[in-house]
Amino acid sequence: MRYIRLTSLTWWAGCFAMLTGIASLALPATGPLGELSRFVALLAGSGDTSPAGLMFLGLGLIGLRDRIERGFRGNK
């Protein structure tokens, strides 16, 4: 599993972006999880980006990290 690199900062940034996008889709705006929903909105930029954009950004970061690593090693 070459995409999972727990020591890579880019991998963690991609996972964080994906989880923020998923949480902003899944969490309700009101109710007992309202405070958590507001915190996720702050992390997402308070509505400046869509949840789908955050998820694609996360996947892109993870894929880009892998591609750059393979490019430096010379493997294709």
C-alpha atoms as a PDB file:
ATOM      1  CA  MET A   1       0.000   0.000   0.000  1.00  0.00           C
ATOM      2  CA  ARG A   2       2.151   2.788  -1.293  1.00  0.00           C
ATOM      3  CA  TYR A   3      -0.400   5.549  -0.742  1.00  0.00           C
ATOM      4  CA  ILE A   4      -0.495   5.204   3.050  1.00  0.00           C
ATOM      5  CA  ARG A   5       2.552   6.957   4.501  1.00  0.00           C
ATOM      6  CA  LEU A   6       2.079   7.813   8.154  1.00  0.00           C
ATOM      7  CA  THR A   7       5.370   9.728   8.284  1.00  0.00           C
ATOM      8  CA  SER A   8       4.463  12.050   5.388  1.00  0.00           C
ATOM      9  CA  LEU A   9       3.205  15.534   6.228  1.00  0.00           C
ATOM     10  CA  THR A  10       1.560  15.779   2.800  1.00  0.00           C
ATOM     11  CA  TRP A  11      -0.336  12.554   3.471  1.00  0.00           C
ATOM     12  CA  TRP A  12      -1.631  13.923   6.776  1.00  0.00           C
ATOM     13  CA  ALA A  13      -2.614  17.243   5.148  1.00  0.00           C
ATOM     14  CA  GLY A  14      -4.531  15.331   2.482  1.00  0.00           C
ATOM     15  CA  CYS A  15      -6.309  13.208   5.088  1.00  0.00           C
ATOM     16  CA  PHE A  16      -7.168  16.302   7.111  1.00  0.00           C
ATOM     17  CA  ALA A  17      -8.640  18.027   4.043  1.00  0.00           C
ATOM     18  CA  MET A  18     -10.667  14.926   3.153  1.00  0.00           C
ATOM     19  CA  LEU A  19     -11.970  14.487   6.698  1.00  0.00           C
ATOM     20  CA  THR A  20     -12.911  18.174   6.919  1.00  0.00           C
ATOM     21  CA  GLY A  21     -14.895  17.880   3.692  1.00  0.00           C
ATOM     22  CA  ILE A  22     -16.634  14.708   4.820  1.00  0.00           C
ATOM     23  CA  ALA A  23     -17.440  16.192   8.235  1.00  0.00           C
ATOM     24  CA  SER A  24     -18.876  19.361   6.714  1.00  0.00           C
ATOM     25  CA  LEU A  25     -21.211  17.204   4.637  1.00  0.00           C
ATOM     26  CA  ALA A  26     -22.207  14.826   7.405  1.00  0.00           C
ATOM     27  CA  LEU A  27     -22.611  17.086  10.453  1.00  0.00           C
ATOM     28  CA  PRO A  28     -25.932  18.847  11.004  1.00  0.00           C
ATOM     29  CA  ALA A  29     -25.902  22.613  11.485  1.00  0.00           C
ATOM     30  CA  THR A  30     -28.146  22.497  14.543  1.00  0.00           C
ATOM     31  CA  GLY A  31     -28.753  20.173  17.430  1.00  0.00           C
ATOM     32  CA  PRO A  32     -26.309  18.548  19.826  1.00  0.00           C
ATOM     33  CA  LEU A  33     -23.503  18.539  17.239  1.00  0.00           C
ATOM     34  CA  GLY A  34     -23.964  22.201  16.303  1.00  0.00           C
ATOM     35  CA  GLU A  35     -20.786  23.372  18.029  1.00  0.00           C
ATOM     36  CA  LEU A  36     -18.736  20.695  16.294  1.00  0.00           C
ATOM     37  CA  SER A  37     -20.303  21.707  12.991  1.00  0.00           C
ATOM     38  CA  ARG A  38     -19.278  25.337  13.556  1.00  0.00           C
ATOM     39  CA  PHE A  39     -15.719  24.237  14.370  1.00  0.00           C
ATOM     40  CA  VAL A  40     -15.543  22.224  11.144  1.00  0.00           C
ATOM     41  CA  ALA A  41     -16.837  25.272   9.253  1.00  0.00           C
ATOM     42  CA  LEU A  42     -13.990  27.313  10.726  1.00  0.00           C
ATOM     43  CA  LEU A  43     -11.495  24.674   9.622  1.00  0.00           C
ATOM     44  CA  ALA A  44     -13.006  24.629   6.141  1.00  0.00           C
ATOM     45  CA  GLY A  45     -12.620  28.383   5.772  1.00  0.00           C
ATOM     46  CA  SER A  46     -16.158  29.296   6.868  1.00  0.00           C
ATOM     47  CA  GLY A  47     -17.800  28.325   3.611  1.00  0.00           C
ATOM     48  CA  ASP A  48     -15.162  29.553   1.172  1.00  0.00           C
ATOM     49  CA  THR A  49     -14.742  26.078  -0.296  1.00  0.00           C
ATOM     50  CA  SER A  50     -17.170  23.275  -0.978  1.00  0.00           C
ATOM     51  CA  PRO A  51     -16.972  19.921   0.795  1.00  0.00           C
ATOM     52  CA  ALA A  52     -16.361  18.212  -2.546  1.00  0.00           C
ATOM     53  CA  GLY A  53     -13.479  20.607  -3.216  1.00  0.00           C
ATOM     54  CA  LEU A  54     -11.904  19.715   0.112  1.00  0.00           C
ATOM     55  CA  MET A  55     -12.240  15.991  -0.563  1.00  0.00           C
ATOM     56  CA  PHE A  56     -10.690  16.319  -4.035  1.00  0.00           C
ATOM     57  CA  LEU A  57      -7.895  18.466  -2.601  1.00  0.00           C
ATOM     58  CA  GLY A  58      -7.126  15.770  -0.050  1.00  0.00           C
ATOM     59  CA  LEU A  59      -7.080  13.007  -2.638  1.00  0.00           C
ATOM     60  CA  GLY A  60      -4.938  15.158  -4.910  1.00  0.00           C
ATOM     61  CA  LEU A  61      -2.382  15.815  -2.187  1.00  0.00           C
ATOM     62  CA  ILE A  62      -2.088  12.121  -1.406  1.00  0.00           C
ATOM     63  CA  GLY A  63      -1.701  11.215  -5.090  1.00  0.00           C
ATOM     64  CA  LEU A  64       0.722  14.055  -5.763  1.00  0.00           C
ATOM     65  CA  ARG A  65       2.942  13.010  -2.875  1.00  0.00           C
ATOM     66  CA  ASP A  66       3.124   9.484  -4.227  1.00  0.00           C
ATOM     67  CA  ARG A  67       3.849  10.641  -7.770  1.00  0.00           C
ATOM     68  CA  ILE A  68       6.621  13.002  -6.695  1.00  0.00           C
ATOM     69  CA  GLU A  69       8.189  10.279  -4.555  1.00  0.00           C
ATOM     70  CA  ARG A  70       8.149   7.823  -7.467  1.00  0.00           C
ATOM     71  CA  GLY A  71       9.566  10.506  -9.773  1.00  0.00           C
ATOM     72  CA  PHE A  72      12.550  11.110  -7.498  1.00  0.00           C
ATOM     73  CA  ARG A  73      13.270   7.384  -7.264  1.00  0.00           C
ATOM     74  CA  GLY A  74      13.041   6.974 -11.017  1.00  0.00           C
ATOM     75  CA  ASN A  75      10.242   4.372 -10.895  1.00  0.00           C
ATOM     76  CA  LYS A  76       7.273   4.738 -13.226  1.00  0.00           C
END
